[in-house]
PDB file of N, CA and C in Angstrom:
ATOM      1  N   MET A   1      -1.957 -57.835 -82.429  1.00  0.00           N
ATOM      2  CA  MET A   1      -2.652 -57.667 -80.760  1.00  0.00           C
ATOM      3  C   MET A   1      -2.274 -59.058 -80.972  1.00  0.00           C
ATOM      4  N   ASN A   2      -1.484 -58.859 -79.539  1.00  0.00           N
ATOM      5  CA  ASN A   2      -0.998 -59.940 -78.091  1.00  0.00           C
ATOM      6  C   ASN A   2      -1.725 -60.292 -77.071  1.00  0.00           C
ATOM      7  N   SER A   3      -2.496 -61.685 -76.995  1.00  0.00           N
ATOM      8  CA  SER A   3      -3.616 -61.777 -76.149  1.00  0.00           C
ATOM      9  C   SER A   3      -3.461 -63.166 -75.124  1.00  0.00           C
ATOM     10  N   PHE A   4      -3.497 -62.871 -73.739  1.00  0.00           N
ATOM     11  CA  PHE A   4      -3.357 -63.657 -73.052  1.00  0.00           C
ATOM     12  C   PHE A   4      -4.645 -64.338 -72.717  1.00  0.00           C
ATOM     13  N   THR A   5      -5.258 -65.526 -72.565  1.00  0.00           N
ATOM     14  CA  THR A   5      -6.406 -65.546 -72.467  1.00  0.00           C
ATOM     15  C   THR A   5      -6.123 -66.968 -71.434  1.00  0.00           C
ATOM     16  N   LEU A   6      -7.309 -66.749 -70.260  1.00  0.00           N
ATOM     17  CA  LEU A   6      -7.786 -67.800 -69.384  1.00  0.00           C
ATOM     18  C   LEU A   6      -9.437 -67.531 -69.388  1.00  0.00           C
ATOM     19  N   GLY A   7     -10.382 -68.776 -69.613  1.00  0.00           N
ATOM     20  CA  GLY A   7     -11.492 -68.573 -69.427  1.00  0.00           C
ATOM     21  C   GLY A   7     -12.207 -67.779 -70.466  1.00  0.00           C
ATOM     22  N   SER A   8     -12.539 -67.000 -69.476  1.00  0.00           N
ATOM     23  CA  SER A   8     -13.598 -65.709 -70.120  1.00  0.00           C
ATOM     24  C   SER A   8     -12.466 -64.576 -70.029  1.00  0.00           C
ATOM     25  N   VAL A   9     -11.016 -64.563 -69.207  1.00  0.00           N
ATOM     26  CA  VAL A   9     -10.350 -63.491 -68.759  1.00  0.00           C
ATOM     27  C   VAL A   9      -9.104 -63.394 -69.355  1.00  0.00           C
ATOM     28  N   THR A  10      -9.301 -61.580 -70.420  1.00  0.00           N
ATOM     29  CA  THR A  10      -8.095 -61.531 -71.747  1.00  0.00           C
ATOM     30  C   THR A  10      -7.571 -60.471 -71.053  1.00  0.00           C
ATOM     31  N   ALA A  11      -5.721 -60.755 -71.268  1.00  0.00           N
ATOM     32  CA  ALA A  11      -5.019 -59.350 -71.068  1.00  0.00           C
ATOM     33  C   ALA A  11      -4.762 -58.657 -72.475  1.00  0.00           C
ATOM     34  N   SER A  12      -4.620 -57.967 -73.044  1.00  0.00           N
ATOM     35  CA  SER A  12      -4.598 -57.719 -74.793  1.00  0.00           C
ATOM     36  C   SER A  12      -3.485 -56.264 -74.820  1.00  0.00           C
ATOM     37  N   ILE A  13      -1.810 -56.819 -76.008  1.00  0.00           N
ATOM     38  CA  ILE A  13      -1.921 -55.761 -75.679  1.00  0.00           C
ATOM     39  C   ILE A  13      -1.343 -56.193 -77.260  1.00  0.00           C
ATOM     40  N   SER A  14      -1.543 -54.900 -77.419  1.00  0.00           N
ATOM     41  CA  SER A  14      -1.329 -53.982 -78.374  1.00  0.00           C
ATOM     42  C   SER A  14       0.078 -54.051 -79.860  1.00  0.00           C
ATOM     43  N   ARG A  15       1.303 -53.800 -79.341  1.00  0.00           N
ATOM     44  CA  ARG A  15       2.238 -53.254 -80.129  1.00  0.00           C
ATOM     45  C   ARG A  15       2.948 -55.165 -79.893  1.00  0.00           C
ATOM     46  N   ASP A  16       3.327 -55.636 -81.052  1.00  0.00           N
ATOM     47  CA  ASP A  16       4.429 -57.008 -80.994  1.00  0.00           C
ATOM     48  C   ASP A  16       6.172 -57.412 -80.236  1.00  0.00           C
ATOM     49  N   PRO A  17       5.927 -58.337 -79.524  1.00  0.00           N
ATOM     50  CA  PRO A  17       7.062 -58.508 -78.696  1.00  0.00           C
ATOM     51  C   PRO A  17       8.818 -58.416 -79.440  1.00  0.00           C
ATOM     52  N   VAL A  18       9.506 -58.483 -78.663  1.00  0.00           N
ATOM     53  CA  VAL A  18      10.984 -58.886 -79.361  1.00  0.00           C
ATOM     54  C   VAL A  18      10.668 -60.898 -78.762  1.00  0.00           C
ATOM     55  N   ARG A  19      10.645 -61.547 -80.035  1.00  0.00           N
ATOM     56  CA  ARG A  19      10.683 -62.785 -79.296  1.00  0.00           C
ATOM     57  C   ARG A  19      11.901 -63.283 -79.503  1.00  0.00           C
ATOM     58  N   PRO A  20      12.864 -63.398 -78.531  1.00  0.00           N
ATOM     59  CA  PRO A  20      14.114 -64.601 -78.569  1.00  0.00           C
ATOM     60  C   PRO A  20      13.703 -65.906 -78.828  1.00  0.00           C
ATOM     61  N   LEU A  21      14.549 -66.441 -79.817  1.00  0.00           N
ATOM     62  CA  LEU A  21      14.537 -67.667 -80.142  1.00  0.00           C
ATOM     63  C   LEU A  21      14.634 -68.894 -79.066  1.00  0.00           C
ATOM     64  N   ALA A  22      13.489 -69.215 -78.948  1.00  0.00           N
ATOM     65  CA  ALA A  22      13.003 -70.477 -77.901  1.00  0.00           C
ATOM     66  C   ALA A  22      14.694 -71.624 -77.333  1.00  0.00           C
ATOM     67  N   ALA A  23      15.072 -71.884 -76.307  1.00  0.00           N
ATOM     68  CA  ALA A  23      16.360 -72.384 -76.462  1.00  0.00           C
ATOM     69  C   ALA A  23      15.863 -73.546 -76.700  1.00  0.00           C
ATOM     70  N   ASP A  24      16.097 -74.791 -76.375  1.00  0.00           N
ATOM     71  CA  ASP A  24      15.675 -76.074 -76.493  1.00  0.00           C
ATOM     72  C   ASP A  24      14.090 -77.387 -75.606  1.00  0.00           C
ATOM     73  N   THR A  25      13.610 -78.143 -76.580  1.00  0.00           N
ATOM     74  CA  THR A  25      12.693 -78.580 -76.135  1.00  0.00           C
ATOM     75  C   THR A  25      12.912 -79.785 -74.810  1.00  0.00           C
ATOM     76  N   SER A  26      11.981 -79.726 -73.818  1.00  0.00           N
ATOM     77  CA  SER A  26      12.595 -81.223 -73.401  1.00  0.00           C
ATOM     78  C   SER A  26      11.307 -82.136 -73.450  1.00  0.00           C
ATOM     79  N   LEU A  27      11.704 -83.700 -72.956  1.00  0.00           N
ATOM     80  CA  LEU A  27      10.676 -84.076 -72.591  1.00  0.00           C
ATOM     81  C   LEU A  27      10.013 -84.150 -71.063  1.00  0.00           C
ATOM     82  N   PHE A  28       9.028 -83.974 -71.002  1.00  0.00           N
ATOM     83  CA  PHE A  28       8.652 -84.473 -69.434  1.00  0.00           C
ATOM     84  C   PHE A  28       8.341 -85.511 -69.432  1.00  0.00           C
ATOM     85  N   GLN A  29       9.079 -86.032 -68.294  1.00  0.00           N
ATOM     86  CA  GLN A  29       8.722 -87.917 -68.206  1.00  0.00           C
ATOM     87  C   GLN A  29       9.270 -87.858 -66.337  1.00  0.00           C
ATOM     88  N   GLN A  30       7.763 -88.185 -65.583  1.00  0.00           N
ATOM     89  CA  GLN A  30       7.428 -88.394 -64.212  1.00  0.00           C
ATOM     90  C   GLN A  30       9.329 -89.536 -64.228  1.00  0.00           C
ATOM     91  N   THR A  31       9.693 -89.570 -63.123  1.00  0.00           N
ATOM     92  CA  THR A  31      10.893 -90.683 -62.675  1.00  0.00           C
ATOM     93  C   THR A  31      10.661 -91.156 -61.427  1.00  0.00           C
ATOM     94  N   GLY A  32      11.511 -92.407 -60.523  1.00  0.00           N
ATOM     95  CA  GLY A  32      11.119 -92.935 -59.943  1.00  0.00           C
ATOM     96  C   GLY A  32      12.351 -93.336 -59.333  1.00  0.00           C
ATOM     97  N   LEU A  33      12.441 -94.071 -57.905  1.00  0.00           N
ATOM     98  CA  LEU A  33      14.124 -94.658 -57.342  1.00  0.00           C
ATOM     99  C   LEU A  33      13.505 -96.270 -57.334  1.00  0.00           C
ATOM    100  N   ASP A  34      14.261 -97.239 -57.458  1.00  0.00           N
ATOM    101  CA  ASP A  34      13.650 -98.327 -56.425  1.00  0.00           C
ATOM    102  C   ASP A  34      14.538 -98.704 -55.028  1.00  0.00           C
ATOM    103  N   SER A  35      14.452 -99.321 -54.621  1.00  0.00           N
ATOM    104  CA  SER A  35      14.731 -99.716 -53.428  1.00  0.00           C
ATOM    105  C   SER A  35      16.296 -99.846 -53.213  1.00  0.00           C
ATOM    106  N   ALA A  36      16.869-100.655 -54.626  1.00  0.00           N
ATOM    107  CA  ALA A  36      18.731 -99.865 -54.493  1.00  0.00           C
ATOM    108  C   ALA A  36      18.872 -99.013 -54.913  1.00  0.00           C
ATOM    109  N   GLY A  37      17.851 -98.070 -54.822  1.00  0.00           N
ATOM    110  CA  GLY A  37      18.296 -96.452 -55.563  1.00  0.00           C
ATOM    111  C   GLY A  37      18.828 -96.346 -57.172  1.00  0.00           C
ATOM    112  N   ASN A  38      18.298 -97.483 -57.971  1.00  0.00           N
ATOM    113  CA  ASN A  38      18.340 -96.539 -59.353  1.00  0.00           C
ATOM    114  C   ASN A  38      17.237 -96.658 -59.701  1.00  0.00           C
ATOM    115  N   ARG A  39      17.422 -95.231 -60.642  1.00  0.00           N
ATOM    116  CA  ARG A  39      16.029 -94.054 -61.288  1.00  0.00           C
ATOM    117  C   ARG A  39      15.633 -95.401 -62.641  1.00  0.00           C
ATOM    118  N   TYR A  40      13.971 -94.973 -62.133  1.00  0.00           N
ATOM    119  CA  TYR A  40      13.223 -95.398 -63.502  1.00  0.00           C
ATOM    120  C   TYR A  40      12.844 -94.651 -63.872  1.00  0.00           C
ATOM    121  N   VAL A  41      11.748 -94.575 -64.693  1.00  0.00           N
ATOM    122  CA  VAL A  41      11.001 -94.112 -65.888  1.00  0.00           C
ATOM    123  C   VAL A  41       9.258 -94.914 -65.748  1.00  0.00           C
ATOM    124  N   THR A  42       8.463 -93.741 -64.820  1.00  0.00           N
ATOM    125  CA  THR A  42       6.809 -94.246 -64.459  1.00  0.00           C
ATOM    126  C   THR A  42       6.593 -94.163 -66.168  1.00  0.00           C
ATOM    127  N   ASP A  43       6.803 -92.520 -66.324  1.00  0.00           N
ATOM    128  CA  ASP A  43       5.538 -92.171 -67.290  1.00  0.00           C
ATOM    129  C   ASP A  43       6.674 -91.709 -68.298  1.00  0.00           C
ATOM    130  N   ARG A  44       6.724 -91.961 -70.026  1.00  0.00           N
ATOM    131  CA  ARG A  44       6.812 -91.642 -71.226  1.00  0.00           C
ATOM    132  C   ARG A  44       5.672 -90.622 -71.900  1.00  0.00           C
ATOM    133  N   SER A  45       5.501 -90.079 -70.713  1.00  0.00           N
ATOM    134  CA  SER A  45       4.361 -88.652 -71.842  1.00  0.00           C
ATOM    135  C   SER A  45       5.133 -88.289 -72.651  1.00  0.00           C
ATOM    136  N   GLY A  46       3.991 -88.057 -73.596  1.00  0.00           N
ATOM    137  CA  GLY A  46       4.383 -87.388 -75.193  1.00  0.00           C
ATOM    138  C   GLY A  46       4.568 -85.718 -75.323  1.00  0.00           C
ATOM    139  N   LEU A  47       4.525 -85.310 -73.770  1.00  0.00           N
ATOM    140  CA  LEU A  47       4.389 -83.682 -73.174  1.00  0.00           C
ATOM    141  C   LEU A  47       5.669 -83.478 -72.938  1.00  0.00           C
ATOM    142  N   SER A  48       6.147 -81.897 -73.477  1.00  0.00           N
ATOM    143  CA  SER A  48       6.947 -81.772 -73.766  1.00  0.00           C
ATOM    144  C   SER A  48       6.939 -80.005 -73.764  1.00  0.00           C
ATOM    145  N   THR A  49       7.813 -79.576 -72.891  1.00  0.00           N
ATOM    146  CA  THR A  49       7.956 -78.227 -73.002  1.00  0.00           C
ATOM    147  C   THR A  49       9.076 -77.520 -73.619  1.00  0.00           C
ATOM    148  N   ARG A  50       9.112 -76.239 -74.227  1.00  0.00           N
ATOM    149  CA  ARG A  50       9.429 -75.359 -74.958  1.00  0.00           C
ATOM    150  C   ARG A  50       9.733 -73.834 -74.751  1.00  0.00           C
ATOM    151  N   PRO A  51      10.601 -73.732 -73.567  1.00  0.00           N
ATOM    152  CA  PRO A  51      10.987 -72.038 -73.061  1.00  0.00           C
ATOM    153  C   PRO A  51      10.501 -71.040 -74.240  1.00  0.00           C
ATOM    154  N   VAL A  52       9.885 -69.693 -73.736  1.00  0.00           N
ATOM    155  CA  VAL A  52       9.237 -68.673 -74.992  1.00  0.00           C
ATOM    156  C   VAL A  52       9.893 -67.618 -73.860  1.00  0.00           C
ATOM    157  N   SER A  53      10.686 -66.845 -74.846  1.00  0.00           N
ATOM    158  CA  SER A  53      10.566 -65.586 -73.753  1.00  0.00           C
ATOM    159  C   SER A  53      10.191 -64.013 -74.833  1.00  0.00           C
ATOM    160  N   LEU A  54       9.623 -63.507 -73.743  1.00  0.00           N
ATOM    161  CA  LEU A  54       8.262 -62.061 -74.679  1.00  0.00           C
ATOM    162  C   LEU A  54       8.985 -60.970 -74.232  1.00  0.00           C
ATOM    163  N   ILE A  55       9.454 -60.184 -75.121  1.00  0.00           N
ATOM    164  CA  ILE A  55      10.386 -58.739 -74.382  1.00  0.00           C
ATOM    165  C   ILE A  55       9.180 -57.679 -75.474  1.00  0.00           C
ATOM    166  N   PHE A  56       8.425 -56.754 -74.616  1.00  0.00           N
ATOM    167  CA  PHE A  56       7.508 -55.675 -74.779  1.00  0.00           C
ATOM    168  C   PHE A  56       8.098 -54.784 -74.766  1.00  0.00           C
ATOM    169  N   PRO A  57       9.187 -54.121 -75.315  1.00  0.00           N
ATOM    170  CA  PRO A  57       9.641 -52.738 -75.144  1.00  0.00           C
ATOM    171  C   PRO A  57       9.094 -52.033 -74.859  1.00  0.00           C
ATOM    172  N   HIS A  58       7.922 -51.624 -75.300  1.00  0.00           N
ATOM    173  CA  HIS A  58       7.251 -49.903 -75.587  1.00  0.00           C
ATOM    174  C   HIS A  58       5.542 -50.230 -75.088  1.00  0.00           C
ATOM    175  N   ILE A  59       5.010 -50.835 -73.774  1.00  0.00           N
ATOM    176  CA  ILE A  59       3.376 -50.954 -73.574  1.00  0.00           C
ATOM    177  C   ILE A  59       2.486 -49.717 -72.670  1.00  0.00           C
ATOM    178  N   SER A  60       2.177 -49.741 -73.005  1.00  0.00           N
ATOM    179  CA  SER A  60       0.805 -48.464 -72.536  1.00  0.00           C
ATOM    180  C   SER A  60       0.989 -48.983 -70.914  1.00  0.00           C
ATOM    181  N   GLY A  61       0.064 -47.596 -69.601  1.00  0.00           N
ATOM    182  CA  GLY A  61       0.228 -48.019 -68.060  1.00  0.00           C
ATOM    183  C   GLY A  61      -1.291 -49.044 -68.169  1.00  0.00           C
ATOM    184  N   ALA A  62      -1.748 -48.750 -69.116  1.00  0.00           N
ATOM    185  CA  ALA A  62      -3.307 -49.173 -69.083  1.00  0.00           C
ATOM    186  C   ALA A  62      -3.504 -51.213 -69.160  1.00  0.00           C
ATOM    187  N   GLU A  63      -1.930 -51.347 -70.202  1.00  0.00           N
ATOM    188  CA  GLU A  63      -1.903 -52.330 -70.300  1.00  0.00           C
ATOM    189  C   GLU A  63      -1.064 -53.164 -69.853  1.00  0.00           C
ATOM    190  N   LEU A  64      -0.421 -52.132 -68.784  1.00  0.00           N
ATOM    191  CA  LEU A  64       0.339 -53.111 -67.936  1.00  0.00           C
ATOM    192  C   LEU A  64      -0.490 -53.837 -66.798  1.00  0.00           C
ATOM    193  N   GLU A  65      -1.304 -52.601 -66.338  1.00  0.00           N
ATOM    194  CA  GLU A  65      -2.137 -52.849 -65.384  1.00  0.00           C
ATOM    195  C   GLU A  65      -3.398 -53.781 -65.698  1.00  0.00           C
ATOM    196  N   SER A  66      -3.344 -54.299 -67.098  1.00  0.00           N
ATOM    197  CA  SER A  66      -4.355 -55.563 -67.290  1.00  0.00           C
ATOM    198  C   SER A  66      -3.478 -56.353 -67.050  1.00  0.00           C
ATOM    199  N   LEU A  67      -2.084 -56.571 -67.802  1.00  0.00           N
ATOM    200  CA  LEU A  67      -2.044 -57.799 -68.034  1.00  0.00           C
ATOM    201  C   LEU A  67      -1.281 -57.828 -66.567  1.00  0.00           C
ATOM    202  N   LYS A  68      -0.574 -57.237 -65.704  1.00  0.00           N
ATOM    203  CA  LYS A  68      -0.719 -57.414 -64.006  1.00  0.00           C
ATOM    204  C   LYS A  68      -1.989 -58.205 -63.409  1.00  0.00           C
ATOM    205  N   THR A  69      -2.733 -57.788 -63.688  1.00  0.00           N
ATOM    206  CA  THR A  69      -3.867 -58.229 -63.264  1.00  0.00           C
ATOM    207  C   THR A  69      -4.107 -59.997 -63.227  1.00  0.00           C
ATOM    208  N   PHE A  70      -4.085 -59.702 -64.819  1.00  0.00           N
ATOM    209  CA  PHE A  70      -4.305 -60.946 -65.736  1.00  0.00           C
ATOM    210  C   PHE A  70      -3.458 -62.239 -64.966  1.00  0.00           C
ATOM    211  N   LEU A  71      -1.749 -61.797 -64.971  1.00  0.00           N
ATOM    212  CA  LEU A  71      -0.843 -62.965 -64.068  1.00  0.00           C
ATOM    213  C   LEU A  71      -0.758 -62.972 -63.088  1.00  0.00           C
ATOM    214  N   THR A  72      -1.623 -62.129 -62.009  1.00  0.00           N
ATOM    215  CA  THR A  72      -1.439 -62.392 -61.042  1.00  0.00           C
ATOM    216  C   THR A  72      -2.684 -62.974 -60.100  1.00  0.00           C
ATOM    217  N   VAL A  73      -3.439 -61.979 -60.459  1.00  0.00           N
ATOM    218  CA  VAL A  73      -4.690 -62.894 -60.224  1.00  0.00           C
ATOM    219  C   VAL A  73      -5.800 -64.030 -60.757  1.00  0.00           C
ATOM    220  N   THR A  74      -5.293 -63.662 -62.265  1.00  0.00           N
ATOM    221  CA  THR A  74      -6.441 -65.065 -63.377  1.00  0.00           C
ATOM    222  C   THR A  74      -5.393 -65.996 -62.596  1.00  0.00           C
ATOM    223  N   VAL A  75      -4.287 -65.695 -63.641  1.00  0.00           N
ATOM    224  CA  VAL A  75      -3.210 -67.143 -63.595  1.00  0.00           C
ATOM    225  C   VAL A  75      -2.139 -67.640 -62.410  1.00  0.00           C
ATOM    226  N   ALA A  76      -2.543 -66.529 -61.596  1.00  0.00           N
ATOM    227  CA  ALA A  76      -1.616 -67.235 -60.230  1.00  0.00           C
ATOM    228  C   ALA A  76      -0.286 -67.449 -59.869  1.00  0.00           C
ATOM    229  N   GLY A  77       0.039 -66.332 -61.021  1.00  0.00           N
ATOM    230  CA  GLY A  77       1.765 -66.578 -61.319  1.00  0.00           C
ATOM    231  C   GLY A  77       1.875 -67.972 -62.140  1.00  0.00           C
ATOM    232  N   SER A  78       2.025 -69.016 -61.723  1.00  0.00           N
ATOM    233  CA  SER A  78       2.540 -70.043 -62.811  1.00  0.00           C
ATOM    234  C   SER A  78       1.126 -71.536 -62.158  1.00  0.00           C
ATOM    235  N   ARG A  79       0.743 -70.678 -61.856  1.00  0.00           N
ATOM    236  CA  ARG A  79      -0.450 -72.196 -60.800  1.00  0.00           C
ATOM    237  C   ARG A  79      -1.248 -72.640 -62.209  1.00  0.00           C
ATOM    238  N   PHE A  80      -1.737 -71.370 -63.273  1.00  0.00           N
ATOM    239  CA  PHE A  80      -2.641 -72.450 -64.083  1.00  0.00           C
ATOM    240  C   PHE A  80      -2.508 -71.781 -65.758  1.00  0.00           C
ATOM    241  N   PRO A  81      -2.215 -72.815 -66.357  1.00  0.00           N
ATOM    242  CA  PRO A  81      -1.581 -72.560 -67.563  1.00  0.00           C
ATOM    243  C   PRO A  81      -2.658 -71.721 -68.238  1.00  0.00           C
ATOM    244  N   PHE A  82      -2.484 -71.068 -68.839  1.00  0.00           N
ATOM    245  CA  PHE A  82      -3.133 -69.604 -70.168  1.00  0.00           C
ATOM    246  C   PHE A  82      -2.984 -70.245 -71.588  1.00  0.00           C
ATOM    247  N   THR A  83      -3.206 -69.341 -72.547  1.00  0.00           N
ATOM    248  CA  THR A  83      -3.301 -69.379 -74.138  1.00  0.00           C
ATOM    249  C   THR A  83      -2.832 -67.796 -74.838  1.00  0.00           C
ATOM    250  N   TRP A  84      -1.707 -68.262 -75.168  1.00  0.00           N
ATOM    251  CA  TRP A  84      -1.233 -66.954 -75.639  1.00  0.00           C
ATOM    252  C   TRP A  84      -2.052 -67.267 -77.388  1.00  0.00           C
ATOM    253  N   THR A  85      -1.778 -65.514 -77.681  1.00  0.00           N
ATOM    254  CA  THR A  85      -2.082 -65.182 -78.992  1.00  0.00           C
ATOM    255  C   THR A  85      -1.702 -64.631 -78.748  1.00  0.00           C
ATOM    256  N   ASP A  86      -0.176 -65.033 -80.113  1.00  0.00           N
ATOM    257  CA  ASP A  86       0.292 -64.136 -81.040  1.00  0.00           C
ATOM    258  C   ASP A  86      -0.472 -63.359 -81.918  1.00  0.00           C
ATOM    259  N   ASN A  87       0.805 -62.424 -82.369  1.00  0.00           N
ATOM    260  CA  ASN A  87       0.100 -61.618 -83.852  1.00  0.00           C
ATOM    261  C   ASN A  87      -0.023 -61.794 -85.226  1.00  0.00           C
ATOM    262  N   LEU A  88       0.578 -63.534 -85.264  1.00  0.00           N
ATOM    263  CA  LEU A  88       0.079 -64.181 -86.665  1.00  0.00           C
ATOM    264  C   LEU A  88      -1.419 -64.597 -86.131  1.00  0.00           C
ATOM    265  N   GLY A  89      -1.827 -64.987 -84.822  1.00  0.00           N
ATOM    266  CA  GLY A  89      -3.105 -65.241 -84.752  1.00  0.00           C
ATOM    267  C   GLY A  89      -2.799 -66.697 -84.404  1.00  0.00           C
ATOM    268  N   GLY A  90      -1.542 -67.478 -84.071  1.00  0.00           N
ATOM    269  CA  GLY A  90      -1.767 -68.596 -83.492  1.00  0.00           C
ATOM    270  C   GLY A  90      -1.817 -68.729 -82.001  1.00  0.00           C
ATOM    271  N   ALA A  91      -2.588 -69.608 -81.526  1.00  0.00           N
ATOM    272  CA  ALA A  91      -2.579 -70.139 -80.243  1.00  0.00           C
ATOM    273  C   ALA A  91      -1.053 -71.059 -79.269  1.00  0.00           C
ATOM    274  N   HIS A  92      -1.627 -70.100 -78.709  1.00  0.00           N
ATOM    275  CA  HIS A  92      -0.305 -71.282 -77.939  1.00  0.00           C
ATOM    276  C   HIS A  92      -0.893 -71.866 -76.465  1.00  0.00           C
ATOM    277  N   ASP A  93      -0.335 -72.723 -76.232  1.00  0.00           N
ATOM    278  CA  ASP A  93      -0.735 -73.084 -74.427  1.00  0.00           C
ATOM    279  C   ASP A  93       1.056 -73.074 -73.855  1.00  0.00           C
ATOM    280  N   MET A  94       0.321 -72.091 -72.629  1.00  0.00           N
ATOM    281  CA  MET A  94       1.626 -71.411 -72.119  1.00  0.00           C
ATOM    282  C   MET A  94       1.342 -71.687 -69.982  1.00  0.00           C
ATOM    283  N   ARG A  95       1.986 -71.135 -69.859  1.00  0.00           N
ATOM    284  CA  ARG A  95       2.814 -71.478 -68.307  1.00  0.00           C
ATOM    285  C   ARG A  95       3.956 -70.291 -67.512  1.00  0.00           C
ATOM    286  N   LEU A  96       3.275 -69.579 -67.167  1.00  0.00           N
ATOM    287  CA  LEU A  96       3.907 -68.511 -66.886  1.00  0.00           C
ATOM    288  C   LEU A  96       5.523 -68.771 -65.333  1.00  0.00           C
ATOM    289  N   THR A  97       6.278 -68.627 -66.480  1.00  0.00           N
ATOM    290  CA  THR A  97       7.676 -68.991 -65.476  1.00  0.00           C
ATOM    291  C   THR A  97       7.903 -68.174 -64.328  1.00  0.00           C
ATOM    292  N   SER A  98       7.977 -67.252 -65.289  1.00  0.00           N
ATOM    293  CA  SER A  98       8.742 -66.096 -64.025  1.00  0.00           C
ATOM    294  C   SER A  98       8.449 -64.541 -65.390  1.00  0.00           C
ATOM    295  N   TRP A  99       8.573 -63.261 -64.696  1.00  0.00           N
ATOM    296  CA  TRP A  99       8.390 -61.501 -65.428  1.00  0.00           C
ATOM    297  C   TRP A  99       8.576 -60.844 -65.258  1.00  0.00           C
ATOM    298  N   ARG A 100       8.644 -59.941 -65.116  1.00  0.00           N
ATOM    299  CA  ARG A 100       8.564 -58.408 -64.669  1.00  0.00           C
ATOM    300  C   ARG A 100       8.444 -57.090 -65.538  1.00  0.00           C
ATOM    301  N   TRP A 101       8.857 -56.284 -64.548  1.00  0.00           N
ATOM    302  CA  TRP A 101       8.245 -54.869 -65.274  1.00  0.00           C
ATOM    303  C   TRP A 101       8.764 -53.948 -65.399  1.00  0.00           C
ATOM    304  N   ILE A 102       9.198 -52.601 -66.143  1.00  0.00           N
ATOM    305  CA  ILE A 102      10.167 -51.677 -65.738  1.00  0.00           C
ATOM    306  C   ILE A 102       9.917 -50.746 -66.135  1.00  0.00           C
ATOM    307  N   GLN A 103       9.504 -49.177 -65.471  1.00  0.00           N
ATOM    308  CA  GLN A 103       8.871 -47.809 -66.225  1.00  0.00           C
ATOM    309  C   GLN A 103      10.769 -47.257 -67.587  1.00  0.00           C
ATOM    310  N   VAL A 104      10.365 -46.925 -68.505  1.00  0.00           N
ATOM    311  CA  VAL A 104      10.468 -46.690 -69.231  1.00  0.00           C
ATOM    312  C   VAL A 104      10.843 -44.670 -69.589  1.00  0.00           C
ATOM    313  N   THR A 105       9.643 -44.886 -69.850  1.00  0.00           N
ATOM    314  CA  THR A 105       9.473 -43.184 -69.868  1.00  0.00           C
ATOM    315  C   THR A 105       8.144 -42.787 -68.367  1.00  0.00           C
ATOM    316  N   PRO A 106       8.132 -41.407 -68.808  1.00  0.00           N
ATOM    317  CA  PRO A 106       6.728 -41.290 -68.398  1.00  0.00           C
ATOM    318  C   PRO A 106       5.540 -41.910 -68.306  1.00  0.00           C
ATOM    319  N   ALA A 107       5.523 -42.704 -69.709  1.00  0.00           N
ATOM    320  CA  ALA A 107       4.207 -43.076 -70.427  1.00  0.00           C
ATOM    321  C   ALA A 107       4.369 -43.927 -70.446  1.00  0.00           C
ATOM    322  N   TRP A 108       5.132 -45.152 -70.950  1.00  0.00           N
ATOM    323  CA  TRP A 108       5.926 -46.501 -71.449  1.00  0.00           C
ATOM    324  C   TRP A 108       6.209 -46.958 -70.214  1.00  0.00           C
ATOM    325  N   TYR A 109       5.971 -47.816 -70.522  1.00  0.00           N
ATOM    326  CA  TYR A 109       6.602 -49.307 -69.694  1.00  0.00           C
ATOM    327  C   TYR A 109       7.735 -50.827 -70.990  1.00  0.00           C
ATOM    328  N   ARG A 110       8.469 -51.589 -70.076  1.00  0.00           N
ATOM    329  CA  ARG A 110       9.067 -52.536 -71.127  1.00  0.00           C
ATOM    330  C   ARG A 110       8.645 -53.428 -69.667  1.00  0.00           C
ATOM    331  N   VAL A 111       8.156 -54.954 -70.463  1.00  0.00           N
ATOM    332  CA  VAL A 111       7.522 -55.571 -69.476  1.00  0.00           C
ATOM    333  C   VAL A 111       8.430 -56.953 -70.496  1.00  0.00           C
ATOM    334  N   GLU A 112       9.092 -58.064 -69.753  1.00  0.00           N
ATOM    335  CA  GLU A 112       9.356 -59.477 -70.021  1.00  0.00           C
ATOM    336  C   GLU A 112       9.095 -60.363 -69.434  1.00  0.00           C
ATOM    337  N   LEU A 113       8.521 -60.713 -70.298  1.00  0.00           N
ATOM    338  CA  LEU A 113       7.840 -62.661 -69.647  1.00  0.00           C
ATOM    339  C   LEU A 113       8.361 -63.559 -70.305  1.00  0.00           C
ATOM    340  N   ASN A 114       9.008 -64.913 -69.052  1.00  0.00           N
ATOM    341  CA  ASN A 114       9.216 -65.592 -69.620  1.00  0.00           C
ATOM    342  C   ASN A 114       8.605 -67.147 -69.161  1.00  0.00           C
ATOM    343  N   MET A 115       7.975 -68.053 -70.520  1.00  0.00           N
ATOM    344  CA  MET A 115       7.051 -69.272 -70.267  1.00  0.00           C
ATOM    345  C   MET A 115       7.984 -70.619 -70.579  1.00  0.00           C
ATOM    346  N   GLU A 116       6.562 -71.136 -70.704  1.00  0.00           N
ATOM    347  CA  GLU A 116       6.929 -72.813 -71.463  1.00  0.00           C
ATOM    348  C   GLU A 116       5.583 -73.073 -71.693  1.00  0.00           C
ATOM    349  N   GLU A 117       5.847 -73.290 -73.141  1.00  0.00           N
ATOM    350  CA  GLU A 117       5.017 -73.529 -73.691  1.00  0.00           C
ATOM    351  C   GLU A 117       4.908 -75.010 -73.931  1.00  0.00           C
ATOM    352  N   THR A 118       3.451 -75.486 -74.289  1.00  0.00           N
ATOM    353  CA  THR A 118       3.774 -77.372 -74.108  1.00  0.00           C
ATOM    354  C   THR A 118       3.508 -77.239 -75.449  1.00  0.00           C
ATOM    355  N   VAL A 119       4.199 -77.943 -75.834  1.00  0.00           N
ATOM    356  CA  VAL A 119       4.319 -78.920 -77.621  1.00  0.00           C
ATOM    357  C   VAL A 119       3.809 -80.299 -77.955  1.00  0.00           C
TER     358      VAL A 119
END
């Protein structure tokens, strides 16, 4: 069971995703420009992100509606971070970057989620 949670709101998907490997991890550093136009680092934060792509090939219409409400209303697209709990019980702090769904049969849908995990 995969679940997406923010506060007391949860959307769940009963099937396991097809999960491509994450690409690279990037360190978030805030930079600025001095008066001569040279770039410098103002914050050497330990915060880094890792892109994660999840593909759910077959989810039900009820699961899709629950996920759509969660992503569009609860987390407001990429506005709020949320917790994704994978099928092994691991919790991941995520932020949505993009998503799409398509109908593959009259009763099933394919959902693709692109997120960034804070590591």
